[in-house]
N, C-alpha and C. Protein backbone atom coordinates (compact mmCIF):
# COMPACT_ATOMS: atom_id res chain seq x y z
N MET A 1 57.42 284.13 44.03
CA MET A 1 58.00 283.10 44.66
C MET A 1 58.50 282.19 43.67
N VAL A 2 60.23 281.43 44.12
CA VAL A 2 60.64 280.77 43.21
C VAL A 2 60.08 279.41 43.30
N THR A 3 60.13 278.64 42.09
CA THR A 3 59.69 277.53 42.11
C THR A 3 60.97 276.24 42.29
N LYS A 4 60.50 275.43 43.12
CA LYS A 4 61.60 274.30 43.90
C LYS A 4 62.53 273.59 42.82
N LEU A 5 62.02 273.95 41.40
CA LEU A 5 62.77 273.32 40.50
C LEU A 5 64.02 273.96 40.13
N PHE A 6 63.75 275.25 40.19
CA PHE A 6 64.63 276.47 39.95
C PHE A 6 66.10 276.18 40.43
N SER A 7 66.96 275.77 39.65
CA SER A 7 68.48 275.35 39.84
C SER A 7 69.41 276.50 40.05
N GLU A 8 70.56 276.63 40.36
CA GLU A 8 71.76 277.18 40.28
C GLU A 8 71.84 277.62 38.77
N ASP A 9 71.69 276.57 38.13
CA ASP A 9 72.55 276.59 36.69
C ASP A 9 71.17 277.42 36.02
N HIS A 10 69.80 277.04 36.24
CA HIS A 10 68.82 277.95 35.68
C HIS A 10 69.04 279.35 36.18
N ASN A 11 69.45 279.60 37.20
CA ASN A 11 69.70 281.05 37.39
C ASN A 11 71.06 281.73 36.65
N LYS A 12 72.19 281.09 36.15
CA LYS A 12 72.99 281.73 35.70
C LYS A 12 72.43 281.70 34.25
N GLN A 13 71.55 281.39 33.60
CA GLN A 13 71.22 282.04 32.47
C GLN A 13 70.57 283.03 32.43
N ARG A 14 70.01 283.79 33.52
CA ARG A 14 69.30 284.73 33.59
C ARG A 14 70.02 286.32 33.19
N THR A 15 71.22 285.81 33.72
CA THR A 15 72.23 287.03 33.30
C THR A 15 72.21 287.48 32.02
N PRO A 16 72.67 286.39 31.37
CA PRO A 16 73.27 286.37 29.96
C PRO A 16 72.07 286.83 29.19
N ALA A 17 71.01 286.64 29.58
CA ALA A 17 69.44 286.57 28.72
C ALA A 17 69.36 288.55 28.96
N SER A 18 69.49 288.57 29.88
CA SER A 18 69.09 290.42 30.60
C SER A 18 70.31 290.92 29.72
N LEU A 19 71.42 290.55 29.59
CA LEU A 19 72.58 291.67 29.00
C LEU A 19 72.25 291.80 27.73
N THR A 20 71.78 290.37 27.00
CA THR A 20 71.83 290.47 25.41
C THR A 20 70.48 291.21 25.30
N PHE A 21 69.54 291.08 25.87
CA PHE A 21 68.13 291.89 25.70
C PHE A 21 68.76 293.52 25.66
N LEU A 22 69.51 293.73 27.07
CA LEU A 22 69.69 295.33 27.15
C LEU A 22 70.83 296.40 26.12
N GLU A 23 71.57 295.12 25.56
CA GLU A 23 72.55 295.59 24.72
C GLU A 23 71.85 295.66 23.15
N ALA A 24 70.67 294.87 23.02
CA ALA A 24 69.82 295.24 22.11
C ALA A 24 69.01 296.55 22.27
N TYR A 25 68.65 296.66 23.27
CA TYR A 25 67.69 298.02 23.53
C TYR A 25 68.40 298.95 23.32
N GLU A 26 69.77 298.81 23.68
CA GLU A 26 70.68 300.32 23.87
C GLU A 26 71.11 300.71 21.98
N LYS A 27 71.15 299.66 21.80
CA LYS A 27 71.39 299.51 20.33
C LYS A 27 70.76 300.22 19.34
N ASP A 28 68.93 299.72 19.81
CA ASP A 28 67.95 300.04 18.90
C ASP A 28 66.68 300.79 19.55
N GLY A 29 66.87 301.04 20.82
CA GLY A 29 65.86 301.77 21.65
C GLY A 29 64.71 301.44 21.25
N ASP A 30 63.64 302.34 21.06
CA ASP A 30 62.03 301.89 21.33
C ASP A 30 61.79 301.06 19.91
N SER A 31 62.60 301.26 18.89
CA SER A 31 62.24 300.72 17.77
C SER A 31 62.26 299.12 18.02
N LEU A 32 63.02 298.57 18.98
CA LEU A 32 63.01 297.24 19.75
C LEU A 32 62.11 296.62 20.40
N LEU A 33 61.14 297.54 21.01
CA LEU A 33 60.06 297.08 21.69
C LEU A 33 58.85 297.25 20.29
N ASN A 34 58.83 297.98 19.25
CA ASN A 34 57.65 297.99 17.99
C ASN A 34 57.57 296.59 17.56
N ARG A 35 58.96 296.04 17.76
CA ARG A 35 59.03 294.64 16.96
C ARG A 35 58.50 293.16 17.74
N VAL A 36 58.17 293.74 19.12
CA VAL A 36 57.58 292.61 20.36
C VAL A 36 56.67 291.87 19.91
N VAL A 37 56.35 290.72 19.83
CA VAL A 37 55.27 290.25 20.04
C VAL A 37 55.10 288.95 20.99
N THR A 38 54.39 289.09 22.12
CA THR A 38 54.44 288.09 23.08
C THR A 38 53.04 287.52 23.58
N GLY A 39 52.92 286.76 24.31
CA GLY A 39 51.69 285.66 24.66
C GLY A 39 51.85 284.72 25.64
N GLU A 40 50.88 284.29 26.15
CA GLU A 40 51.20 282.98 27.13
C GLU A 40 49.84 281.92 26.71
N GLU A 41 50.18 281.15 27.69
CA GLU A 41 48.94 279.72 27.41
C GLU A 41 48.73 280.02 28.74
N ASN A 42 47.67 279.65 29.20
CA ASN A 42 46.73 279.72 30.55
C ASN A 42 45.71 279.40 30.70
N CYS A 43 45.30 278.78 31.82
CA CYS A 43 43.51 278.11 32.03
C CYS A 43 42.81 279.59 32.64
N VAL A 44 41.72 279.33 32.49
CA VAL A 44 40.72 280.73 32.88
C VAL A 44 39.42 280.05 33.56
N LYS A 45 39.36 279.74 34.92
CA LYS A 45 38.06 279.09 35.39
C LYS A 45 37.06 280.09 34.92
N HIS A 46 36.25 279.33 35.13
CA HIS A 46 34.20 279.39 34.81
C HIS A 46 34.11 280.38 36.18
N VAL A 47 34.81 279.99 37.44
CA VAL A 47 34.34 280.42 38.77
C VAL A 47 35.90 280.42 39.53
N THR A 48 36.38 281.50 40.00
CA THR A 48 37.61 281.48 41.14
C THR A 48 36.88 281.42 42.80
N CYS A 49 37.91 280.89 43.41
CA CYS A 49 37.70 281.28 44.69
C CYS A 49 37.57 282.55 45.33
N GLU A 50 38.10 283.51 44.65
CA GLU A 50 38.17 284.86 44.93
C GLU A 50 36.33 285.51 44.75
N THR A 51 36.27 285.00 43.55
CA THR A 51 34.42 285.11 43.05
C THR A 51 33.79 284.66 44.47
N ILE A 52 33.81 283.62 44.60
CA ILE A 52 32.85 282.84 45.90
C ILE A 52 32.95 283.93 46.97
N LYS A 53 34.62 284.05 47.36
CA LYS A 53 34.32 284.93 48.32
C LYS A 53 33.98 286.19 48.34
N SER A 54 34.09 286.99 47.44
CA SER A 54 33.63 288.48 46.95
C SER A 54 32.16 288.35 46.81
N VAL A 55 31.51 287.47 46.33
CA VAL A 55 30.01 287.43 46.22
C VAL A 55 29.48 287.04 47.70
N TYR A 56 29.95 285.87 48.47
CA TYR A 56 29.35 285.82 49.79
C TYR A 56 30.09 286.06 51.16
N GLY A 57 31.06 286.87 51.00
CA GLY A 57 31.79 287.48 52.01
C GLY A 57 32.84 286.58 52.83
N VAL A 58 32.83 285.68 52.51
CA VAL A 58 33.82 284.79 53.19
C VAL A 58 33.97 283.15 52.37
N GLY A 59 35.23 282.76 52.68
CA GLY A 59 35.96 281.73 52.33
C GLY A 59 34.85 280.36 52.20
N THR A 60 35.57 279.61 51.42
CA THR A 60 34.62 278.32 50.92
C THR A 60 34.77 277.39 52.28
N HIS A 61 35.80 277.56 53.15
CA HIS A 61 35.80 276.90 54.54
C HIS A 61 34.46 277.25 55.21
N LYS A 62 33.98 278.05 55.04
CA LYS A 62 32.71 278.40 56.11
C LYS A 62 31.57 277.75 55.49
N PHE A 63 31.29 276.92 54.56
CA PHE A 63 30.16 276.62 53.97
C PHE A 63 30.06 274.83 54.23
N SER A 64 28.98 274.21 54.21
CA SER A 64 28.76 272.96 54.42
C SER A 64 29.58 272.03 53.42
N HIS A 65 29.44 270.76 53.48
CA HIS A 65 30.44 269.80 52.87
C HIS A 65 29.58 269.80 51.30
N LYS A 66 28.55 269.69 51.26
CA LYS A 66 27.70 269.74 50.10
C LYS A 66 27.76 271.10 49.38
N THR A 67 27.76 272.01 50.10
CA THR A 67 27.89 273.28 48.98
C THR A 67 29.13 273.44 48.40
N LYS A 68 30.27 272.54 49.36
CA LYS A 68 31.99 273.17 49.04
C LYS A 68 31.99 272.09 47.76
N GLU A 69 31.11 270.82 47.61
CA GLU A 69 31.55 270.25 46.42
C GLU A 69 30.74 270.73 45.42
N MET A 70 29.63 271.66 45.18
CA MET A 70 28.95 272.22 44.20
C MET A 70 30.04 273.31 43.83
N PHE A 71 30.72 273.85 44.67
CA PHE A 71 31.54 275.27 44.39
C PHE A 71 32.95 275.11 43.55
N ALA A 72 33.41 273.51 44.12
CA ALA A 72 34.47 272.74 44.02
C ALA A 72 34.14 272.09 42.46
N ASN A 73 32.90 272.21 42.17
CA ASN A 73 32.46 271.83 40.91
C ASN A 73 32.69 272.74 39.72
N PHE A 74 32.41 274.10 40.16
CA PHE A 74 32.47 275.21 39.67
C PHE A 74 33.70 275.53 39.07
N VAL A 75 34.44 275.56 40.24
CA VAL A 75 36.09 275.93 40.06
C VAL A 75 36.74 274.95 39.52
N SER A 76 36.34 273.94 39.22
CA SER A 76 37.18 272.87 38.65
C SER A 76 37.05 273.02 36.99
N LYS A 77 35.83 273.62 36.46
CA LYS A 77 35.78 274.16 35.16
C LYS A 77 36.65 275.26 34.69
N LYS A 78 37.41 274.64 33.46
CA LYS A 78 38.24 276.21 33.21
C LYS A 78 38.58 275.73 31.59
N ASP A 79 38.87 276.96 30.71
CA ASP A 79 39.39 277.03 29.74
C ASP A 79 40.71 277.18 29.32
N TYR A 80 41.27 276.50 28.03
CA TYR A 80 42.50 277.00 28.20
C TYR A 80 42.68 277.57 26.62
N GLY A 81 43.66 278.53 26.93
CA GLY A 81 43.77 279.52 25.51
C GLY A 81 44.71 280.41 24.89
N ASP A 82 45.25 280.58 24.24
CA ASP A 82 46.66 281.42 23.90
C ASP A 82 46.10 282.88 23.82
N ARG A 83 47.03 284.04 24.70
CA ARG A 83 46.43 285.45 24.32
C ARG A 83 47.77 286.17 23.72
N LEU A 84 47.78 286.42 22.83
CA LEU A 84 49.02 286.89 22.02
C LEU A 84 48.89 288.64 21.63
N TRP A 85 50.10 289.27 22.12
CA TRP A 85 49.61 290.62 21.69
C TRP A 85 51.03 291.21 21.75
N ASP A 86 51.04 292.83 21.20
CA ASP A 86 52.13 293.51 21.07
C ASP A 86 51.82 294.69 21.85
N ARG A 87 52.34 295.81 21.56
CA ARG A 87 52.20 297.11 22.40
C ARG A 87 51.06 297.92 21.87
N GLU A 88 50.37 297.51 20.95
CA GLU A 88 49.46 298.16 20.45
C GLU A 88 47.94 297.41 20.94
N GLY A 89 47.98 296.17 21.08
CA GLY A 89 46.68 295.42 21.74
C GLY A 89 47.19 294.13 21.27
N VAL A 90 45.64 293.55 21.27
CA VAL A 90 45.59 291.98 21.35
C VAL A 90 45.67 291.96 19.64
N LEU A 91 46.43 290.79 19.33
CA LEU A 91 46.72 289.74 18.12
C LEU A 91 45.79 289.10 17.78
N LEU A 92 45.91 288.07 18.73
CA LEU A 92 45.25 286.44 18.43
C LEU A 92 44.49 286.23 20.07
N LEU A 93 43.63 285.48 19.80
CA LEU A 93 42.74 285.05 21.24
C LEU A 93 42.45 283.20 20.40
N ASP A 94 43.18 282.71 20.73
CA ASP A 94 43.10 281.26 20.38
C ASP A 94 42.78 279.94 21.56
N TYR A 95 41.53 279.58 21.58
CA TYR A 95 41.09 278.71 22.35
C TYR A 95 41.53 277.33 22.22
N VAL A 96 41.74 276.64 23.04
CA VAL A 96 42.16 275.00 22.84
C VAL A 96 40.65 274.35 23.01
N GLU A 97 40.25 273.41 22.07
CA GLU A 97 39.41 272.34 22.08
C GLU A 97 38.98 271.68 23.42
N PRO A 98 38.12 271.98 24.35
CA PRO A 98 37.97 270.94 25.39
C PRO A 98 38.48 269.57 25.43
N GLY A 99 39.12 268.87 26.13
CA GLY A 99 39.93 267.84 26.29
C GLY A 99 41.29 267.64 25.52
N SER A 100 41.65 268.74 24.67
CA SER A 100 42.82 268.64 23.99
C SER A 100 43.85 268.81 24.87
N THR A 101 45.04 268.71 24.44
CA THR A 101 46.53 268.73 25.04
C THR A 101 47.31 269.83 23.98
N ILE A 102 47.76 270.83 24.56
CA ILE A 102 48.55 271.85 23.81
C ILE A 102 49.92 271.00 23.39
N LYS A 103 50.14 270.52 22.18
CA LYS A 103 51.31 269.81 21.51
C LYS A 103 52.00 270.57 20.53
N SER A 104 53.07 270.28 20.40
CA SER A 104 53.97 271.11 18.94
C SER A 104 53.32 271.27 18.11
N GLU A 105 52.20 270.17 17.63
CA GLU A 105 51.38 270.48 16.18
C GLU A 105 50.60 271.44 16.20
N ARG A 106 49.71 271.48 17.66
CA ARG A 106 48.81 272.46 17.78
C ARG A 106 49.10 273.56 18.13
N TYR A 107 50.34 274.15 18.81
CA TYR A 107 50.90 275.24 18.83
C TYR A 107 51.22 276.02 17.75
N CYS A 108 51.86 275.08 16.66
CA CYS A 108 52.19 275.68 15.41
C CYS A 108 51.17 275.95 14.39
N GLU A 109 49.67 275.48 14.58
CA GLU A 109 48.75 275.85 13.88
C GLU A 109 48.19 277.60 14.71
N THR A 110 48.54 277.33 16.01
CA THR A 110 48.29 279.13 16.60
C THR A 110 49.33 279.97 15.81
N LEU A 111 50.61 279.82 15.82
CA LEU A 111 51.28 280.43 15.24
C LEU A 111 51.14 280.90 13.65
N LYS A 112 50.52 279.93 13.26
CA LYS A 112 50.29 280.25 11.79
C LYS A 112 49.15 281.35 11.64
N LYS A 113 48.23 280.89 12.66
CA LYS A 113 46.72 281.89 12.86
C LYS A 113 47.73 283.49 13.14
N LEU A 114 48.81 283.23 14.00
CA LEU A 114 49.21 284.77 14.90
C LEU A 114 49.90 285.60 13.45
N ARG A 115 50.85 284.58 12.62
CA ARG A 115 51.18 285.50 11.20
C ARG A 115 50.30 285.75 10.81
N ARG A 116 49.28 285.42 10.50
CA ARG A 116 48.02 285.87 9.31
C ARG A 116 47.48 287.09 10.04
N ALA A 117 47.56 287.02 11.78
CA ALA A 117 46.86 288.44 12.48
C ALA A 117 48.00 289.45 12.33
N ILE A 118 49.31 289.42 12.30
CA ILE A 118 50.00 290.27 12.39
C ILE A 118 49.90 290.97 11.02
N GLN A 119 49.65 290.01 9.76
CA GLN A 119 49.84 290.77 8.50
C GLN A 119 48.64 291.28 8.11
N ASN A 120 47.59 291.12 8.97
CA ASN A 120 46.40 291.80 8.53
C ASN A 120 45.86 293.32 9.34
N LYS A 121 46.62 292.82 10.64
CA LYS A 121 46.59 294.14 11.55
C LYS A 121 47.64 295.12 11.78
N ARG A 122 49.02 294.50 11.31
CA ARG A 122 50.04 295.60 11.97
C ARG A 122 51.05 295.22 10.34
N ARG A 123 50.52 295.28 9.38
CA ARG A 123 50.90 295.42 8.06
C ARG A 123 52.73 295.81 8.19
N GLY A 124 53.36 296.71 8.57
CA GLY A 124 54.48 297.06 8.75
C GLY A 124 55.33 296.28 9.59
N LYS A 125 54.60 295.57 10.64
CA LYS A 125 55.66 295.00 11.54
C LYS A 125 56.23 293.61 10.93
N MET A 126 55.66 293.09 10.00
CA MET A 126 56.49 291.96 9.33
C MET A 126 57.77 292.26 8.63
N CYS A 127 58.02 293.69 7.57
CA CYS A 127 58.97 294.18 7.55
C CYS A 127 60.20 294.24 8.28
N SER A 128 59.57 294.74 9.43
CA SER A 128 60.69 295.04 10.54
C SER A 128 61.42 293.66 11.63
N LYS A 129 60.75 292.62 11.02
CA LYS A 129 61.23 291.23 11.14
C LYS A 129 60.45 291.21 12.99
N VAL A 130 59.77 290.27 13.30
CA VAL A 130 59.20 290.11 14.20
C VAL A 130 59.92 289.40 15.47
N LEU A 131 59.87 290.19 16.87
CA LEU A 131 60.61 289.92 17.78
C LEU A 131 59.89 288.84 18.93
N PHE A 132 60.05 287.80 18.80
CA PHE A 132 58.94 286.95 19.22
C PHE A 132 59.51 286.50 20.85
N PHE A 133 58.64 286.76 21.73
CA PHE A 133 58.68 286.27 23.13
C PHE A 133 57.69 285.15 23.47
N HIS A 134 58.57 283.90 23.93
CA HIS A 134 57.63 282.95 24.43
C HIS A 134 58.22 282.11 25.55
N ASP A 135 57.71 281.40 26.53
CA ASP A 135 58.25 280.82 27.48
C ASP A 135 59.08 279.56 26.97
N ASN A 136 59.85 278.48 27.81
CA ASN A 136 60.58 277.20 27.36
C ASN A 136 59.70 276.24 27.70
N ALA A 137 58.43 276.39 27.62
CA ALA A 137 57.52 275.12 27.18
C ALA A 137 57.64 274.17 26.51
N SER A 138 57.64 273.08 26.73
CA SER A 138 57.52 271.80 25.66
C SER A 138 57.37 272.11 23.98
N PRO A 139 56.03 272.61 24.06
CA PRO A 139 55.76 272.80 22.54
C PRO A 139 56.24 273.77 22.11
N HIS A 140 56.85 274.77 22.71
CA HIS A 140 57.27 276.23 22.60
C HIS A 140 58.82 275.53 21.66
N ASN A 141 59.58 274.49 22.39
CA ASN A 141 61.13 273.95 22.12
C ASN A 141 61.11 273.16 21.18
N ALA A 142 59.70 272.79 21.07
CA ALA A 142 60.07 271.43 19.99
C ALA A 142 60.60 271.67 18.69
N ILE A 143 61.18 270.65 17.99
CA ILE A 143 61.90 270.94 16.45
C ILE A 143 60.90 271.73 15.77
N HIS A 144 59.69 270.93 15.51
CA HIS A 144 58.31 271.34 14.62
C HIS A 144 58.30 272.79 15.25
N THR A 145 58.15 273.25 16.05
CA THR A 145 58.04 274.69 16.01
C THR A 145 59.37 275.57 16.06
N ARG A 146 60.51 275.16 16.34
CA ARG A 146 61.48 276.05 15.76
C ARG A 146 61.82 275.84 14.60
N GLU A 147 61.50 274.98 13.79
CA GLU A 147 61.23 274.96 12.18
C GLU A 147 60.43 276.02 11.54
N LEU A 148 59.48 276.17 12.04
CA LEU A 148 58.52 276.68 11.63
C LEU A 148 58.67 278.48 12.05
N LEU A 149 59.19 278.81 13.17
CA LEU A 149 59.57 280.03 13.30
C LEU A 149 61.13 280.81 12.35
N ASP A 150 62.03 279.83 12.13
CA ASP A 150 62.77 279.98 11.31
C ASP A 150 62.29 280.07 9.99
N HIS A 151 61.28 279.55 9.39
CA HIS A 151 60.69 279.54 8.26
C HIS A 151 59.52 281.02 8.20
N PHE A 152 59.67 281.51 9.08
CA PHE A 152 58.69 282.82 9.21
C PHE A 152 59.75 283.98 9.30
N GLY A 153 60.67 283.62 9.70
CA GLY A 153 62.31 284.76 9.72
C GLY A 153 61.95 285.28 11.04
N TRP A 154 61.28 284.68 11.95
CA TRP A 154 60.76 285.72 12.88
C TRP A 154 62.51 285.39 14.00
N GLU A 155 62.76 286.49 14.72
CA GLU A 155 63.81 286.63 15.99
C GLU A 155 63.21 286.06 17.22
N VAL A 156 63.45 285.10 17.55
CA VAL A 156 62.79 284.40 18.99
C VAL A 156 64.14 284.86 20.07
N PHE A 157 63.20 285.39 20.98
CA PHE A 157 64.54 285.64 22.17
C PHE A 157 64.36 284.62 23.18
N GLU A 158 65.17 283.81 23.36
CA GLU A 158 65.72 282.70 24.14
C GLU A 158 65.08 283.29 25.77
N HIS A 159 63.77 282.31 26.21
CA HIS A 159 63.52 282.57 27.51
C HIS A 159 64.04 281.81 28.82
N PRO A 160 64.73 282.50 29.56
CA PRO A 160 65.27 281.60 30.49
C PRO A 160 64.44 280.62 31.47
N PRO A 161 64.52 279.08 32.09
CA PRO A 161 63.70 278.35 32.52
C PRO A 161 63.57 278.97 33.92
N TYR A 162 61.83 278.80 33.93
CA TYR A 162 61.57 279.22 35.60
C TYR A 162 61.71 280.80 35.83
N SER A 163 61.40 281.74 34.70
CA SER A 163 61.45 283.11 34.77
C SER A 163 60.39 283.82 34.83
N PRO A 164 59.17 283.32 35.06
CA PRO A 164 57.74 284.72 34.64
C PRO A 164 58.03 286.27 34.66
N ASP A 165 59.31 286.46 35.80
CA ASP A 165 59.55 287.94 35.76
C ASP A 165 59.87 288.56 34.21
N PHE A 166 60.26 287.68 33.25
CA PHE A 166 60.83 287.96 31.78
C PHE A 166 59.55 287.74 31.15
N ALA A 167 58.29 287.59 31.13
CA ALA A 167 57.32 287.09 30.35
C ALA A 167 56.13 288.31 30.49
N PRO A 168 56.09 289.11 29.51
CA PRO A 168 55.22 289.90 30.08
C PRO A 168 53.39 289.76 30.28
N GLY A 169 53.11 288.81 29.57
CA GLY A 169 52.02 288.24 30.00
C GLY A 169 51.75 287.80 31.33
N HIS A 170 52.82 287.13 32.04
CA HIS A 170 52.77 286.92 33.33
C HIS A 170 52.92 287.93 34.42
N TYR A 171 53.62 288.62 34.23
CA TYR A 171 53.71 290.12 35.28
C TYR A 171 52.91 291.08 35.00
N HIS A 172 52.36 291.10 33.70
CA HIS A 172 51.34 292.23 33.37
C HIS A 172 50.23 291.66 33.22
N LEU A 173 49.95 291.02 32.15
CA LEU A 173 48.31 290.98 31.60
C LEU A 173 47.88 289.57 32.71
N LEU A 174 48.33 289.22 32.99
CA LEU A 174 47.46 287.93 33.89
C LEU A 174 46.94 288.48 35.35
N PRO A 175 47.95 289.54 36.17
CA PRO A 175 47.49 289.45 37.29
C PRO A 175 46.27 290.95 37.21
N TYR A 176 46.40 291.62 36.31
CA TYR A 176 45.03 292.38 35.98
C TYR A 176 43.85 291.52 35.61
N MET A 177 44.25 290.64 34.60
CA MET A 177 42.90 290.02 34.55
C MET A 177 42.44 288.76 35.41
N LYS A 178 43.46 288.62 36.41
CA LYS A 178 43.05 287.57 37.30
C LYS A 178 42.43 288.46 38.56
N THR A 179 42.59 289.92 38.68
CA THR A 179 42.09 290.60 39.35
C THR A 179 40.28 291.02 39.12
N TRP A 180 39.98 290.90 37.73
CA TRP A 180 38.99 291.36 37.13
C TRP A 180 37.95 289.56 37.45
N LEU A 181 38.82 288.58 36.98
CA LEU A 181 38.12 287.58 36.98
C LEU A 181 37.35 287.15 38.45
N ALA A 182 37.93 287.44 39.33
CA ALA A 182 37.90 287.64 40.66
C ALA A 182 36.17 287.87 41.01
N THR A 183 35.88 288.92 40.14
CA THR A 183 34.57 289.51 39.93
C THR A 183 33.23 288.68 39.34
N GLN A 184 33.97 287.76 38.79
CA GLN A 184 33.21 287.03 37.32
C GLN A 184 32.39 285.71 37.74
N ARG A 185 31.59 285.43 36.98
CA ARG A 185 31.02 284.05 36.99
C ARG A 185 30.74 283.80 35.57
N PHE A 186 30.98 282.24 35.18
CA PHE A 186 30.30 282.06 33.66
C PHE A 186 30.22 280.63 33.78
N ASP A 187 28.87 280.59 33.09
CA ASP A 187 28.33 279.49 33.02
C ASP A 187 28.19 278.38 32.03
N ASP A 188 29.37 278.78 30.82
CA ASP A 188 29.85 277.26 29.97
C ASP A 188 31.18 278.53 29.33
N ASP A 189 31.58 277.32 28.59
CA ASP A 189 32.91 277.62 27.73
C ASP A 189 32.57 279.37 27.09
N ALA A 190 31.50 279.26 26.30
CA ALA A 190 31.29 280.39 25.23
C ALA A 190 31.13 281.56 26.30
N GLU A 191 30.46 281.56 27.20
CA GLU A 191 30.15 282.73 27.90
C GLU A 191 31.58 283.33 28.37
N LEU A 192 32.42 282.53 28.98
CA LEU A 192 34.02 282.41 29.39
C LEU A 192 34.76 283.09 28.75
N GLN A 193 34.78 282.63 27.25
CA GLN A 193 35.56 283.12 26.29
C GLN A 193 35.03 284.66 25.64
N ALA A 194 33.86 284.67 25.90
CA ALA A 194 33.20 285.90 25.44
C ALA A 194 33.59 287.07 26.10
N GLY A 195 33.66 286.89 27.42
CA GLY A 195 34.26 287.73 28.32
C GLY A 195 35.44 288.06 28.62
N VAL A 196 36.15 286.92 28.76
CA VAL A 196 37.76 287.24 28.58
C VAL A 196 38.14 288.10 27.47
N ASN A 197 37.07 287.87 25.96
CA ASN A 197 37.75 288.25 24.84
C ASN A 197 37.45 290.04 24.91
N GLU A 198 36.27 290.27 25.69
CA GLU A 198 35.51 291.59 25.68
C GLU A 198 36.51 292.09 26.52
N TRP A 199 37.08 291.79 27.91
CA TRP A 199 38.01 292.28 28.49
C TRP A 199 39.50 292.88 28.01
N LEU A 200 39.99 291.79 27.40
CA LEU A 200 41.36 292.09 26.56
C LEU A 200 41.02 293.52 25.71
N LYS A 201 40.07 293.17 24.94
CA LYS A 201 39.77 294.48 24.00
C LYS A 201 39.66 295.54 24.51
N PHE A 202 38.54 295.68 25.43
CA PHE A 202 38.29 296.54 26.28
C PHE A 202 39.33 297.48 26.76
N GLN A 203 40.52 297.18 27.05
CA GLN A 203 41.66 297.76 27.39
C GLN A 203 42.34 298.37 26.71
N ALA A 204 42.93 299.76 26.94
CA ALA A 204 43.34 300.70 26.24
C ALA A 204 45.01 300.34 25.45
N ALA A 205 45.16 301.00 24.38
CA ALA A 205 46.49 300.39 24.15
C ALA A 205 47.44 300.95 24.86
N ALA A 206 47.22 301.83 25.77
CA ALA A 206 48.19 302.43 26.24
C ALA A 206 48.66 300.88 27.78
N PHE A 207 47.87 300.35 28.06
CA PHE A 207 47.75 298.85 28.81
C PHE A 207 49.07 298.09 28.29
N TYR A 208 48.64 298.04 27.22
CA TYR A 208 49.44 296.78 26.49
C TYR A 208 50.87 297.33 26.06
N ASP A 209 51.06 299.04 25.99
CA ASP A 209 52.43 299.36 25.77
C ASP A 209 52.99 299.23 27.03
N ASP A 210 52.39 299.37 28.22
CA ASP A 210 53.15 299.56 29.49
C ASP A 210 53.49 298.22 29.92
N GLY A 211 52.57 296.91 29.33
CA GLY A 211 53.44 296.06 29.67
C GLY A 211 54.39 295.92 28.96
N ILE A 212 54.65 295.75 27.77
CA ILE A 212 55.99 295.65 26.66
C ILE A 212 57.22 296.81 27.28
N ASN A 213 56.90 297.89 27.48
CA ASN A 213 57.89 298.79 28.10
C ASN A 213 58.47 298.18 29.45
N LYS A 214 57.50 297.56 30.57
CA LYS A 214 58.04 296.91 31.51
C LYS A 214 59.27 295.88 31.40
N ILE A 215 58.99 295.00 30.10
CA ILE A 215 60.38 294.30 29.82
C ILE A 215 61.91 294.83 29.64
N VAL A 216 62.05 295.97 29.58
CA VAL A 216 63.37 296.82 30.00
C VAL A 216 63.72 296.74 31.35
N HIS A 217 62.75 297.16 32.13
CA HIS A 217 62.83 297.02 33.67
C HIS A 217 63.23 295.83 34.55
N SER A 218 62.21 294.65 33.78
CA SER A 218 62.68 293.35 34.31
C SER A 218 63.95 292.83 33.93
N TYR A 219 64.51 293.21 32.71
CA TYR A 219 65.89 292.90 32.58
C TYR A 219 66.92 293.61 33.04
N ASP A 220 66.89 294.88 33.42
CA ASP A 220 67.69 295.70 34.15
C ASP A 220 67.86 295.23 35.32
N LYS A 221 66.34 295.01 35.85
CA LYS A 221 66.43 294.81 37.52
C LYS A 221 67.24 293.19 37.97
N CYS A 222 67.35 292.27 36.86
CA CYS A 222 67.68 291.18 37.14
C CYS A 222 69.23 291.35 37.04
N LEU A 223 69.72 292.06 35.90
CA LEU A 223 71.18 292.35 35.88
C LEU A 223 71.94 292.93 36.79
N ASN A 224 70.94 293.82 37.54
CA ASN A 224 71.60 294.77 38.64
C ASN A 224 71.62 294.08 40.07
N LEU A 225 70.47 293.10 40.09
CA LEU A 225 70.60 292.40 41.19
C LEU A 225 71.76 290.85 41.38
N GLY A 226 71.51 290.30 39.87
CA GLY A 226 72.87 289.61 39.73
C GLY A 226 72.54 288.26 39.60
N SER A 227 71.71 287.79 40.76
CA SER A 227 71.32 286.81 41.52
C SER A 227 70.03 286.56 42.28
N LEU A 228 69.42 285.17 42.17
CA LEU A 228 68.32 285.19 43.15
C LEU A 228 68.76 284.46 44.50
N PHE A 229 69.88 284.06 44.57
CA PHE A 229 70.27 283.16 45.58
C PHE A 229 70.88 284.04 46.61
């Protein structure tokens, strides 16, 4: 689906981004993908509508008004967090405190944690210069965030607006995780976080490697199509 906010100007930004990445990939090959670190901010619900359907065999419209209200209370409970990874696996899982809003200052704290995680888990990666993929959300584009990433010496690949097909977390990790979540129910934030963490860490390195490799296909597909309109 294409968001109604997606304009022709936004669409025109996709082709140059695709060309820039594919030219870099043609030059550096697989070593370019070794430098990639990516992630996404997303909410995870304690119970999903898919869970209710899988357990009871029917949609919520089949229940009484009182039962619907009970399930609505479960479904409304959610937890926000950052899941950051590379082709070898998870680097950092950083959850937002309940009631907090993700702003530039909070996101910069996550980036500092990410840098330490890379230093500890992927020692050679810092020497080859991190190629960081994140979308164009406001905290990501804030001046303070950009200054911090410049200080790190990371190369940030510009993400065209409203382009989830260019974000590995959106087109690869989240669909699989949502399928798993449709079979789960969590009673509180701690149980949810532990369950999500365990699922992410259970995935083989090949799972994350596949997600990073798909970046090339996504940009190649965009360049070949030329336009969404």
